[in-house]
PDB file of N, CA and C in Angstrom:
ATOM      1  N   MET A   1      39.830  17.254 141.227  1.00  0.00           N
ATOM      2  CA  MET A   1      40.998  17.354 140.134  1.00  0.00           C
ATOM      3  C   MET A   1      41.725  16.252 140.393  1.00  0.00           C
ATOM      4  N   LEU A   2      42.549  15.655 139.429  1.00  0.00           N
ATOM      5  CA  LEU A   2      43.500  14.817 139.381  1.00  0.00           C
ATOM      6  C   LEU A   2      44.883  15.558 139.728  1.00  0.00           C
ATOM      7  N   ASP A   3      45.748  14.860 140.622  1.00  0.00           N
ATOM      8  CA  ASP A   3      47.248  15.245 140.535  1.00  0.00           C
ATOM      9  C   ASP A   3      48.023  14.997 139.381  1.00  0.00           C
ATOM     10  N   PRO A   4      48.872  16.031 139.010  1.00  0.00           N
ATOM     11  CA  PRO A   4      49.633  15.929 137.697  1.00  0.00           C
ATOM     12  C   PRO A   4      50.657  14.991 137.918  1.00  0.00           C
ATOM     13  N   SER A   5      51.030  14.406 138.847  1.00  0.00           N
ATOM     14  CA  SER A   5      51.709  13.327 138.894  1.00  0.00           C
ATOM     15  C   SER A   5      51.499  12.356 138.632  1.00  0.00           C
ATOM     16  N   VAL A   6      50.159  11.821 138.427  1.00  0.00           N
ATOM     17  CA  VAL A   6      49.520  10.859 138.094  1.00  0.00           C
ATOM     18  C   VAL A   6      49.189  10.831 136.572  1.00  0.00           C
ATOM     19  N   LEU A   7      48.658  11.989 136.151  1.00  0.00           N
ATOM     20  CA  LEU A   7      48.334  12.403 134.620  1.00  0.00           C
ATOM     21  C   LEU A   7      49.061  13.534 134.539  1.00  0.00           C
ATOM     22  N   THR A   8      49.944  13.019 133.522  1.00  0.00           N
ATOM     23  CA  THR A   8      50.911  14.090 132.956  1.00  0.00           C
ATOM     24  C   THR A   8      49.997  15.421 131.540  1.00  0.00           C
ATOM     25  N   GLY A   9      48.909  14.676 130.983  1.00  0.00           N
ATOM     26  CA  GLY A   9      48.383  15.395 130.249  1.00  0.00           C
ATOM     27  C   GLY A   9      47.277  16.455 130.528  1.00  0.00           C
ATOM     28  N   LEU A  10      47.134  16.739 131.882  1.00  0.00           N
ATOM     29  CA  LEU A  10      46.030  17.432 132.504  1.00  0.00           C
ATOM     30  C   LEU A  10      46.105  18.909 131.847  1.00  0.00           C
ATOM     31  N   ALA A  11      45.156  19.415 131.456  1.00  0.00           N
ATOM     32  CA  ALA A  11      45.011  20.935 131.279  1.00  0.00           C
ATOM     33  C   ALA A  11      45.219  21.742 132.368  1.00  0.00           C
ATOM     34  N   ASN A  12      44.432  21.528 133.368  1.00  0.00           N
ATOM     35  CA  ASN A  12      44.460  22.315 134.621  1.00  0.00           C
ATOM     36  C   ASN A  12      45.118  21.711 135.805  1.00  0.00           C
ATOM     37  N   LEU A  13      46.285  22.282 136.027  1.00  0.00           N
ATOM     38  CA  LEU A  13      47.292  21.216 137.240  1.00  0.00           C
ATOM     39  C   LEU A  13      46.808  21.780 138.433  1.00  0.00           C
ATOM     40  N   LEU A  14      46.861  20.750 139.332  1.00  0.00           N
ATOM     41  CA  LEU A  14      46.169  20.755 140.693  1.00  0.00           C
ATOM     42  C   LEU A  14      47.366  20.022 141.531  1.00  0.00           C
ATOM     43  N   PRO A  15      48.447  20.992 142.297  1.00  0.00           N
ATOM     44  CA  PRO A  15      49.038  19.587 142.478  1.00  0.00           C
ATOM     45  C   PRO A  15      48.359  18.962 143.986  1.00  0.00           C
ATOM     46  N   PHE A  16      48.762  18.328 144.796  1.00  0.00           N
ATOM     47  CA  PHE A  16      48.338  17.363 145.456  1.00  0.00           C
ATOM     48  C   PHE A  16      46.657  17.268 145.390  1.00  0.00           C
ATOM     49  N   GLY A  17      46.523  17.069 144.002  1.00  0.00           N
ATOM     50  CA  GLY A  17      44.944  16.642 143.459  1.00  0.00           C
ATOM     51  C   GLY A  17      44.928  15.476 144.059  1.00  0.00           C
ATOM     52  N   LEU A  18      43.551  14.595 143.654  1.00  0.00           N
ATOM     53  CA  LEU A  18      43.657  13.506 144.321  1.00  0.00           C
ATOM     54  C   LEU A  18      44.187  12.552 143.230  1.00  0.00           C
ATOM     55  N   SER A  19      44.349  11.066 143.453  1.00  0.00           N
ATOM     56  CA  SER A  19      45.051   9.933 142.767  1.00  0.00           C
ATOM     57  C   SER A  19      43.993   9.332 141.806  1.00  0.00           C
ATOM     58  N   VAL A  20      44.486   8.754 140.763  1.00  0.00           N
ATOM     59  CA  VAL A  20      43.495   7.967 140.260  1.00  0.00           C
ATOM     60  C   VAL A  20      42.749   6.777 141.015  1.00  0.00           C
ATOM     61  N   GLU A  21      43.267   6.057 141.623  1.00  0.00           N
ATOM     62  CA  GLU A  21      42.876   5.263 142.991  1.00  0.00           C
ATOM     63  C   GLU A  21      41.862   5.681 143.623  1.00  0.00           C
ATOM     64  N   THR A  22      41.723   7.199 144.521  1.00  0.00           N
ATOM     65  CA  THR A  22      41.016   7.805 145.372  1.00  0.00           C
ATOM     66  C   THR A  22      39.756   7.812 144.264  1.00  0.00           C
ATOM     67  N   LEU A  23      40.105   8.496 143.241  1.00  0.00           N
ATOM     68  CA  LEU A  23      38.708   8.844 142.163  1.00  0.00           C
ATOM     69  C   LEU A  23      38.238   7.585 141.833  1.00  0.00           C
ATOM     70  N   GLY A  24      38.702   6.584 141.374  1.00  0.00           N
ATOM     71  CA  GLY A  24      38.068   5.459 141.235  1.00  0.00           C
ATOM     72  C   GLY A  24      37.218   5.066 142.154  1.00  0.00           C
ATOM     73  N   ARG A  25      37.538   4.911 143.532  1.00  0.00           N
ATOM     74  CA  ARG A  25      36.915   4.468 145.058  1.00  0.00           C
ATOM     75  C   ARG A  25      35.848   5.575 145.075  1.00  0.00           C
ATOM     76  N   THR A  26      35.951   7.071 144.927  1.00  0.00           N
ATOM     77  CA  THR A  26      34.817   7.831 145.000  1.00  0.00           C
ATOM     78  C   THR A  26      33.891   7.733 143.900  1.00  0.00           C
ATOM     79  N   ILE A  27      33.998   7.463 143.156  1.00  0.00           N
ATOM     80  CA  ILE A  27      33.092   6.997 142.009  1.00  0.00           C
ATOM     81  C   ILE A  27      32.316   5.700 142.202  1.00  0.00           C
ATOM     82  N   THR A  28      33.016   4.662 142.565  1.00  0.00           N
ATOM     83  CA  THR A  28      32.244   3.250 142.981  1.00  0.00           C
ATOM     84  C   THR A  28      31.822   3.696 143.861  1.00  0.00           C
ATOM     85  N   ALA A  29      31.900   4.215 145.016  1.00  0.00           N
ATOM     86  CA  ALA A  29      30.920   4.814 146.266  1.00  0.00           C
ATOM     87  C   ALA A  29      29.777   5.181 145.809  1.00  0.00           C
ATOM     88  N   LEU A  30      29.759   6.258 145.178  1.00  0.00           N
ATOM     89  CA  LEU A  30      28.766   7.206 144.470  1.00  0.00           C
ATOM     90  C   LEU A  30      27.786   6.284 143.865  1.00  0.00           C
ATOM     91  N   ARG A  31      28.570   5.449 142.560  1.00  0.00           N
ATOM     92  CA  ARG A  31      27.479   4.781 141.996  1.00  0.00           C
ATOM     93  C   ARG A  31      26.752   3.666 142.694  1.00  0.00           C
ATOM     94  N   ALA A  32      27.375   3.541 143.589  1.00  0.00           N
ATOM     95  CA  ALA A  32      26.737   2.489 144.904  1.00  0.00           C
ATOM     96  C   ALA A  32      25.116   2.799 145.670  1.00  0.00           C
ATOM     97  N   GLU A  33      25.271   4.304 145.634  1.00  0.00           N
ATOM     98  CA  GLU A  33      24.293   4.634 146.381  1.00  0.00           C
ATOM     99  C   GLU A  33      23.368   5.670 145.235  1.00  0.00           C
ATOM    100  N   PHE A  34      23.841   6.168 143.726  1.00  0.00           N
ATOM    101  CA  PHE A  34      22.887   6.836 143.320  1.00  0.00           C
ATOM    102  C   PHE A  34      23.146   6.189 141.794  1.00  0.00           C
ATOM    103  N   GLU A  35      22.017   6.444 140.940  1.00  0.00           N
ATOM    104  CA  GLU A  35      22.452   5.965 139.497  1.00  0.00           C
ATOM    105  C   GLU A  35      23.192   6.764 138.875  1.00  0.00           C
ATOM    106  N   LEU A  36      23.631   6.712 137.922  1.00  0.00           N
ATOM    107  CA  LEU A  36      24.839   7.485 137.085  1.00  0.00           C
ATOM    108  C   LEU A  36      23.955   7.810 135.786  1.00  0.00           C
ATOM    109  N   ALA A  37      23.751   9.134 135.651  1.00  0.00           N
ATOM    110  CA  ALA A  37      23.136   9.777 134.404  1.00  0.00           C
ATOM    111  C   ALA A  37      24.164  10.245 133.491  1.00  0.00           C
ATOM    112  N   GLY A  38      25.188  10.670 133.704  1.00  0.00           N
ATOM    113  CA  GLY A  38      25.974  11.080 132.711  1.00  0.00           C
ATOM    114  C   GLY A  38      27.255  10.954 133.187  1.00  0.00           C
ATOM    115  N   ALA A  39      28.164  11.275 132.507  1.00  0.00           N
ATOM    116  CA  ALA A  39      29.868  11.738 132.965  1.00  0.00           C
ATOM    117  C   ALA A  39      30.700  12.215 131.731  1.00  0.00           C
ATOM    118  N   THR A  40      31.578  12.891 132.351  1.00  0.00           N
ATOM    119  CA  THR A  40      32.400  13.477 131.262  1.00  0.00           C
ATOM    120  C   THR A  40      33.710  13.287 131.751  1.00  0.00           C
ATOM    121  N   ILE A  41      34.716  13.011 131.165  1.00  0.00           N
ATOM    122  CA  ILE A  41      36.271  13.195 131.131  1.00  0.00           C
ATOM    123  C   ILE A  41      36.929  14.750 130.632  1.00  0.00           C
ATOM    124  N   ALA A  42      37.118  15.780 131.384  1.00  0.00           N
ATOM    125  CA  ALA A  42      37.506  16.861 130.456  1.00  0.00           C
ATOM    126  C   ALA A  42      38.784  17.417 131.416  1.00  0.00           C
ATOM    127  N   GLY A  43      39.370  18.614 130.715  1.00  0.00           N
ATOM    128  CA  GLY A  43      40.439  18.929 131.054  1.00  0.00           C
ATOM    129  C   GLY A  43      41.687  17.642 130.529  1.00  0.00           C
ATOM    130  N   PHE A  44      41.628  16.913 129.624  1.00  0.00           N
ATOM    131  CA  PHE A  44      42.777  15.797 129.575  1.00  0.00           C
ATOM    132  C   PHE A  44      43.093  16.408 128.054  1.00  0.00           C
ATOM    133  N   ALA A  45      44.546  16.957 128.248  1.00  0.00           N
ATOM    134  CA  ALA A  45      45.118  17.528 126.816  1.00  0.00           C
ATOM    135  C   ALA A  45      46.497  17.084 126.776  1.00  0.00           C
ATOM    136  N   PRO A  46      46.730  16.251 126.390  1.00  0.00           N
ATOM    137  CA  PRO A  46      47.978  15.313 126.331  1.00  0.00           C
ATOM    138  C   PRO A  46      49.079  16.235 125.279  1.00  0.00           C
ATOM    139  N   ALA A  47      50.331  16.237 125.443  1.00  0.00           N
ATOM    140  CA  ALA A  47      50.885  16.967 124.256  1.00  0.00           C
ATOM    141  C   ALA A  47      51.151  16.604 123.100  1.00  0.00           C
ATOM    142  N   SER A  48      51.192  15.460 122.724  1.00  0.00           N
ATOM    143  CA  SER A  48      51.494  14.704 121.861  1.00  0.00           C
ATOM    144  C   SER A  48      51.018  13.327 122.185  1.00  0.00           C
ATOM    145  N   PRO A  49      50.544  12.068 121.105  1.00  0.00           N
ATOM    146  CA  PRO A  49      50.019  10.937 121.284  1.00  0.00           C
ATOM    147  C   PRO A  49      50.829  10.245 121.937  1.00  0.00           C
ATOM    148  N   GLU A  50      51.976  10.167 122.014  1.00  0.00           N
ATOM    149  CA  GLU A  50      52.825   9.350 123.425  1.00  0.00           C
ATOM    150  C   GLU A  50      52.531   9.981 124.147  1.00  0.00           C
ATOM    151  N   ALA A  51      52.426  11.089 124.431  1.00  0.00           N
ATOM    152  CA  ALA A  51      52.002  11.321 126.195  1.00  0.00           C
ATOM    153  C   ALA A  51      50.590  10.545 126.528  1.00  0.00           C
ATOM    154  N   ALA A  52      49.792  10.709 125.550  1.00  0.00           N
ATOM    155  CA  ALA A  52      48.663  10.331 125.870  1.00  0.00           C
ATOM    156  C   ALA A  52      48.375   8.701 126.052  1.00  0.00           C
ATOM    157  N   ASN A  53      49.142   8.117 125.434  1.00  0.00           N
ATOM    158  CA  ASN A  53      49.746   7.056 125.468  1.00  0.00           C
ATOM    159  C   ASN A  53      50.106   6.158 127.033  1.00  0.00           C
ATOM    160  N   ASP A  54      51.203   7.268 127.681  1.00  0.00           N
ATOM    161  CA  ASP A  54      51.526   7.266 128.854  1.00  0.00           C
ATOM    162  C   ASP A  54      50.230   7.374 130.097  1.00  0.00           C
ATOM    163  N   ASP A  55      49.346   8.207 129.429  1.00  0.00           N
ATOM    164  CA  ASP A  55      48.492   8.106 130.772  1.00  0.00           C
ATOM    165  C   ASP A  55      47.028   7.369 130.305  1.00  0.00           C
ATOM    166  N   LEU A  56      47.083   6.495 129.385  1.00  0.00           N
ATOM    167  CA  LEU A  56      46.077   5.776 128.929  1.00  0.00           C
ATOM    168  C   LEU A  56      45.501   5.019 130.096  1.00  0.00           C
ATOM    169  N   PRO A  57      46.240   4.069 130.538  1.00  0.00           N
ATOM    170  CA  PRO A  57      46.054   3.171 131.687  1.00  0.00           C
ATOM    171  C   PRO A  57      45.226   3.566 132.570  1.00  0.00           C
ATOM    172  N   SER A  58      45.406   5.170 133.032  1.00  0.00           N
ATOM    173  CA  SER A  58      44.680   5.783 133.895  1.00  0.00           C
ATOM    174  C   SER A  58      43.504   5.951 133.326  1.00  0.00           C
ATOM    175  N   ILE A  59      43.379   6.417 132.352  1.00  0.00           N
ATOM    176  CA  ILE A  59      42.218   6.602 131.962  1.00  0.00           C
ATOM    177  C   ILE A  59      40.851   5.952 131.811  1.00  0.00           C
ATOM    178  N   LEU A  60      41.818   4.828 131.380  1.00  0.00           N
ATOM    179  CA  LEU A  60      40.763   3.248 131.383  1.00  0.00           C
ATOM    180  C   LEU A  60      40.305   3.267 132.387  1.00  0.00           C
ATOM    181  N   ARG A  61      41.204   2.900 133.480  1.00  0.00           N
ATOM    182  CA  ARG A  61      40.651   3.033 134.787  1.00  0.00           C
ATOM    183  C   ARG A  61      39.804   3.697 135.433  1.00  0.00           C
ATOM    184  N   ILE A  62      39.656   4.903 134.997  1.00  0.00           N
ATOM    185  CA  ILE A  62      38.734   6.177 135.733  1.00  0.00           C
ATOM    186  C   ILE A  62      37.235   5.766 134.385  1.00  0.00           C
ATOM    187  N   ILE A  63      37.555   5.211 132.968  1.00  0.00           N
ATOM    188  CA  ILE A  63      36.284   4.859 132.488  1.00  0.00           C
ATOM    189  C   ILE A  63      35.866   3.375 133.392  1.00  0.00           C
ATOM    190  N   GLY A  64      36.605   2.574 133.390  1.00  0.00           N
ATOM    191  CA  GLY A  64      36.167   1.321 133.966  1.00  0.00           C
ATOM    192  C   GLY A  64      35.154   1.812 135.496  1.00  0.00           C
ATOM    193  N   ALA A  65      35.846   2.718 136.020  1.00  0.00           N
ATOM    194  CA  ALA A  65      34.813   3.037 137.535  1.00  0.00           C
ATOM    195  C   ALA A  65      33.631   3.442 137.023  1.00  0.00           C
ATOM    196  N   LEU A  66      33.415   4.123 135.689  1.00  0.00           N
ATOM    197  CA  LEU A  66      32.249   4.497 135.757  1.00  0.00           C
ATOM    198  C   LEU A  66      31.280   3.778 134.938  1.00  0.00           C
ATOM    199  N   THR A  67      31.599   2.923 134.386  1.00  0.00           N
ATOM    200  CA  THR A  67      30.679   1.877 133.848  1.00  0.00           C
ATOM    201  C   THR A  67      30.581   0.533 133.813  1.00  0.00           C
ATOM    202  N   ARG A  68      31.361   0.075 135.482  1.00  0.00           N
ATOM    203  CA  ARG A  68      31.292  -1.199 136.189  1.00  0.00           C
ATOM    204  C   ARG A  68      29.723  -1.065 136.405  1.00  0.00           C
TER     205      ARG A  68
END
């Protein structure tokens, strides 16, 4: 799970969770060894459209790691 300090729109908060950079590196390392069969981004529930905009760059980095 991601740390709430890096994404404010998380449904399940886990203090001291992963950073977006660590998650991206982990996904990249796993994709180097295994074929990706599917992925889900779950637990993202921003309070407002504005809050979603604040988290958009991080969400796009995660999607980028999944699709490279």
